[in-house]
Amino acid sequence: MGCEVHLLKIIHILKVRKKKKISSWTAFFDLKKAYDSVNHRILLEKLAKHIDVNSPEFKMIAWILSSTKIKYKENQDDINVNAGVP
């Protein structure tokens, strides 16, 4: 499915939840090359200006960014990924 179909589904779900007076949160991640070099620490600092750092949403995003690791070879230690979109 294309982005448009997914967006329409999200809009429908949000409208239904709004009608039922249920709170909703969304997060959108752009996975294009432009974000391959974004430093995770800087990203979290900027996000902290808009979201309470003690909120579950901020903690989840911080966990995702801090727990991203890669391994090049089987017997090699994991390497922390400090930039880019996980």
N, C-alpha and C. Protein backbone atom coordinates (compact mmCIF):
# COMPACT_ATOMS: atom_id res chain seq x y z
N MET A 1 0.84 -1.19 0.00
CA MET A 1 0.00 0.00 0.00
C MET A 1 0.88 1.24 0.00
N GLY A 2 0.39 2.27 -0.63
CA GLY A 2 1.12 3.52 -0.68
C GLY A 2 0.90 4.38 0.55
N CYS A 3 1.67 5.44 0.64
CA CYS A 3 1.58 6.37 1.77
C CYS A 3 0.18 6.97 1.89
N GLU A 4 -0.45 7.25 0.75
CA GLU A 4 -1.76 7.89 0.75
C GLU A 4 -2.80 7.00 1.43
N VAL A 5 -2.75 5.70 1.14
CA VAL A 5 -3.71 4.77 1.73
C VAL A 5 -3.50 4.70 3.24
N HIS A 6 -2.25 4.62 3.66
CA HIS A 6 -1.95 4.57 5.10
C HIS A 6 -2.39 5.86 5.78
N LEU A 7 -2.17 6.98 5.14
CA LEU A 7 -2.57 8.26 5.70
C LEU A 7 -4.09 8.34 5.86
N LEU A 8 -4.82 7.87 4.87
CA LEU A 8 -6.29 7.85 4.96
C LEU A 8 -6.77 6.96 6.11
N LYS A 9 -6.10 5.83 6.30
CA LYS A 9 -6.45 4.94 7.41
C LYS A 9 -6.20 5.63 8.75
N ILE A 10 -5.06 6.30 8.86
CA ILE A 10 -4.73 7.01 10.10
C ILE A 10 -5.76 8.10 10.37
N ILE A 11 -6.13 8.85 9.36
CA ILE A 11 -7.12 9.92 9.52
C ILE A 11 -8.44 9.33 9.99
N HIS A 12 -8.86 8.23 9.40
CA HIS A 12 -10.11 7.58 9.80
C HIS A 12 -10.06 7.14 11.26
N ILE A 13 -8.96 6.49 11.65
CA ILE A 13 -8.81 6.03 13.03
C ILE A 13 -8.85 7.20 13.99
N LEU A 14 -8.14 8.29 13.66
CA LEU A 14 -8.12 9.47 14.53
C LEU A 14 -9.50 10.10 14.66
N LYS A 15 -10.26 10.14 13.56
CA LYS A 15 -11.61 10.70 13.62
C LYS A 15 -12.51 9.87 14.53
N VAL A 16 -12.42 8.55 14.41
CA VAL A 16 -13.23 7.66 15.25
C VAL A 16 -12.86 7.85 16.72
N ARG A 17 -11.56 7.91 17.00
CA ARG A 17 -11.11 8.09 18.38
C ARG A 17 -11.54 9.44 18.93
N LYS A 18 -11.50 10.48 18.09
CA LYS A 18 -11.92 11.82 18.52
C LYS A 18 -13.40 11.82 18.86
N LYS A 19 -14.18 11.16 18.02
CA LYS A 19 -15.63 11.09 18.26
C LYS A 19 -15.93 10.38 19.58
N LYS A 20 -15.11 9.39 19.93
CA LYS A 20 -15.29 8.65 21.18
C LYS A 20 -14.56 9.32 22.34
N LYS A 21 -13.95 10.49 22.06
CA LYS A 21 -13.22 11.27 23.07
C LYS A 21 -12.05 10.48 23.67
N ILE A 22 -11.36 9.75 22.81
CA ILE A 22 -10.17 8.99 23.21
C ILE A 22 -8.94 9.76 22.74
N SER A 23 -8.01 10.00 23.64
CA SER A 23 -6.78 10.70 23.28
C SER A 23 -5.97 9.88 22.28
N SER A 24 -5.26 10.58 21.41
CA SER A 24 -4.43 9.89 20.41
C SER A 24 -3.10 10.61 20.27
N TRP A 25 -2.06 9.84 20.05
CA TRP A 25 -0.73 10.37 19.78
C TRP A 25 -0.22 9.72 18.51
N THR A 26 0.45 10.48 17.70
CA THR A 26 1.06 9.92 16.49
C THR A 26 2.50 10.38 16.39
N ALA A 27 3.31 9.56 15.77
CA ALA A 27 4.70 9.92 15.49
C ALA A 27 4.98 9.50 14.06
N PHE A 28 5.56 10.39 13.30
CA PHE A 28 5.89 10.09 11.92
C PHE A 28 7.39 10.19 11.74
N PHE A 29 7.97 9.20 11.14
CA PHE A 29 9.40 9.19 10.89
C PHE A 29 9.64 9.20 9.39
N ASP A 30 10.41 10.15 8.93
CA ASP A 30 10.77 10.24 7.52
C ASP A 30 12.03 9.42 7.32
N LEU A 31 11.95 8.39 6.53
CA LEU A 31 13.06 7.47 6.37
C LEU A 31 13.94 7.76 5.15
N LYS A 32 13.88 8.96 4.65
CA LYS A 32 14.69 9.33 3.49
C LYS A 32 16.13 9.59 3.90
N LYS A 33 17.02 9.61 2.93
CA LYS A 33 18.45 9.81 3.17
C LYS A 33 18.78 11.08 3.93
N ALA A 34 17.94 12.08 3.87
CA ALA A 34 18.22 13.36 4.53
C ALA A 34 18.43 13.18 6.02
N TYR A 35 17.88 12.13 6.60
CA TYR A 35 17.97 11.93 8.03
C TYR A 35 19.03 10.91 8.44
N ASP A 36 19.85 10.47 7.50
CA ASP A 36 20.90 9.50 7.82
C ASP A 36 21.96 10.06 8.74
N SER A 37 22.10 11.39 8.79
CA SER A 37 23.18 11.97 9.58
C SER A 37 22.69 12.72 10.83
N VAL A 38 21.42 12.61 11.16
CA VAL A 38 20.89 13.31 12.33
C VAL A 38 21.45 12.67 13.60
N ASN A 39 22.10 13.47 14.43
CA ASN A 39 22.66 13.00 15.69
C ASN A 39 21.52 12.77 16.69
N HIS A 40 21.50 11.58 17.29
CA HIS A 40 20.40 11.23 18.20
C HIS A 40 20.33 12.14 19.42
N ARG A 41 21.48 12.51 19.99
CA ARG A 41 21.49 13.38 21.16
C ARG A 41 20.87 14.73 20.84
N ILE A 42 21.25 15.30 19.68
CA ILE A 42 20.71 16.59 19.27
C ILE A 42 19.22 16.48 18.99
N LEU A 43 18.81 15.39 18.36
CA LEU A 43 17.39 15.16 18.08
C LEU A 43 16.58 15.12 19.38
N LEU A 44 17.09 14.42 20.39
CA LEU A 44 16.38 14.34 21.67
C LEU A 44 16.35 15.69 22.38
N GLU A 45 17.43 16.46 22.28
CA GLU A 45 17.45 17.79 22.89
C GLU A 45 16.38 18.69 22.27
N LYS A 46 16.24 18.63 20.96
CA LYS A 46 15.23 19.45 20.28
C LYS A 46 13.82 18.96 20.63
N LEU A 47 13.65 17.65 20.67
CA LEU A 47 12.35 17.08 21.01
C LEU A 47 11.95 17.43 22.44
N ALA A 48 12.93 17.51 23.34
CA ALA A 48 12.67 17.83 24.75
C ALA A 48 12.09 19.23 24.92
N LYS A 49 12.27 20.08 23.94
CA LYS A 49 11.69 21.43 24.01
C LYS A 49 10.19 21.42 23.76
N HIS A 50 9.69 20.31 23.20
CA HIS A 50 8.28 20.24 22.82
C HIS A 50 7.50 19.16 23.56
N ILE A 51 8.21 18.20 24.15
CA ILE A 51 7.55 17.08 24.84
C ILE A 51 8.20 16.94 26.21
N ASP A 52 7.40 16.65 27.21
CA ASP A 52 7.90 16.41 28.56
C ASP A 52 8.85 15.20 28.54
N VAL A 53 10.08 15.39 29.02
CA VAL A 53 11.07 14.31 28.98
C VAL A 53 10.69 13.13 29.87
N ASN A 54 9.75 13.33 30.78
CA ASN A 54 9.28 12.23 31.64
C ASN A 54 8.07 11.51 31.06
N SER A 55 7.60 11.96 29.91
CA SER A 55 6.42 11.33 29.30
C SER A 55 6.80 9.98 28.71
N PRO A 56 5.84 9.06 28.66
CA PRO A 56 6.11 7.75 28.06
C PRO A 56 6.53 7.86 26.60
N GLU A 57 5.99 8.84 25.89
CA GLU A 57 6.32 9.00 24.47
C GLU A 57 7.79 9.37 24.30
N PHE A 58 8.26 10.33 25.10
CA PHE A 58 9.66 10.74 25.00
C PHE A 58 10.58 9.60 25.40
N LYS A 59 10.23 8.92 26.48
CA LYS A 59 11.06 7.80 26.95
C LYS A 59 11.14 6.69 25.90
N MET A 60 10.03 6.43 25.21
CA MET A 60 10.03 5.40 24.18
C MET A 60 10.96 5.78 23.03
N ILE A 61 10.86 7.02 22.57
CA ILE A 61 11.70 7.49 21.47
C ILE A 61 13.17 7.46 21.90
N ALA A 62 13.47 7.91 23.12
CA ALA A 62 14.84 7.91 23.63
C ALA A 62 15.37 6.47 23.70
N TRP A 63 14.53 5.55 24.13
CA TRP A 63 14.95 4.15 24.21
C TRP A 63 15.25 3.59 22.82
N ILE A 64 14.38 3.87 21.86
CA ILE A 64 14.61 3.38 20.49
C ILE A 64 15.93 3.91 19.96
N LEU A 65 16.16 5.21 20.14
CA LEU A 65 17.39 5.81 19.62
C LEU A 65 18.63 5.30 20.36
N SER A 66 18.53 5.07 21.66
CA SER A 66 19.71 4.65 22.43
C SER A 66 19.99 3.16 22.33
N SER A 67 19.01 2.37 21.93
CA SER A 67 19.21 0.92 21.89
C SER A 67 19.54 0.40 20.49
N THR A 68 19.68 1.30 19.52
CA THR A 68 19.99 0.87 18.16
C THR A 68 21.46 0.50 18.05
N LYS A 69 21.71 -0.73 17.61
CA LYS A 69 23.08 -1.22 17.47
C LYS A 69 23.22 -1.97 16.15
N ILE A 70 24.45 -2.05 15.68
CA ILE A 70 24.71 -2.83 14.48
C ILE A 70 25.86 -3.79 14.75
N LYS A 71 25.96 -4.81 13.93
CA LYS A 71 27.06 -5.77 14.04
C LYS A 71 27.49 -6.08 12.61
N TYR A 72 28.79 -5.89 12.33
CA TYR A 72 29.30 -6.16 10.99
C TYR A 72 29.63 -7.63 10.78
N LYS A 73 30.19 -8.25 11.79
CA LYS A 73 30.57 -9.65 11.70
C LYS A 73 30.03 -10.41 12.90
N GLU A 74 29.84 -11.70 12.74
CA GLU A 74 29.25 -12.53 13.78
C GLU A 74 30.02 -12.47 15.10
N ASN A 75 31.32 -12.52 15.07
CA ASN A 75 32.13 -12.56 16.29
C ASN A 75 32.56 -11.18 16.77
N GLN A 76 32.00 -10.14 16.22
CA GLN A 76 32.36 -8.78 16.58
C GLN A 76 31.35 -8.22 17.59
N ASP A 77 31.83 -7.31 18.46
CA ASP A 77 30.94 -6.66 19.41
C ASP A 77 29.96 -5.75 18.69
N ASP A 78 28.80 -5.53 19.31
CA ASP A 78 27.82 -4.59 18.76
C ASP A 78 28.39 -3.19 18.77
N ILE A 79 27.97 -2.37 17.83
CA ILE A 79 28.40 -0.97 17.74
C ILE A 79 27.15 -0.12 17.91
N ASN A 80 27.21 0.85 18.84
CA ASN A 80 26.09 1.77 19.04
C ASN A 80 25.94 2.66 17.82
N VAL A 81 24.70 2.92 17.43
CA VAL A 81 24.41 3.83 16.32
C VAL A 81 23.95 5.15 16.94
N ASN A 82 24.71 6.21 16.71
CA ASN A 82 24.43 7.50 17.34
C ASN A 82 23.82 8.52 16.39
N ALA A 83 23.62 8.14 15.14
CA ALA A 83 23.07 9.07 14.15
C ALA A 83 22.22 8.29 13.16
N GLY A 84 21.35 9.01 12.49
CA GLY A 84 20.50 8.39 11.50
C GLY A 84 19.19 7.89 12.08
N VAL A 85 18.33 7.42 11.21
CA VAL A 85 17.03 6.91 11.62
C VAL A 85 17.17 5.42 11.89
N PRO A 86 16.79 4.96 13.08
CA PRO A 86 16.92 3.52 13.39
C PRO A 86 15.96 2.68 12.58
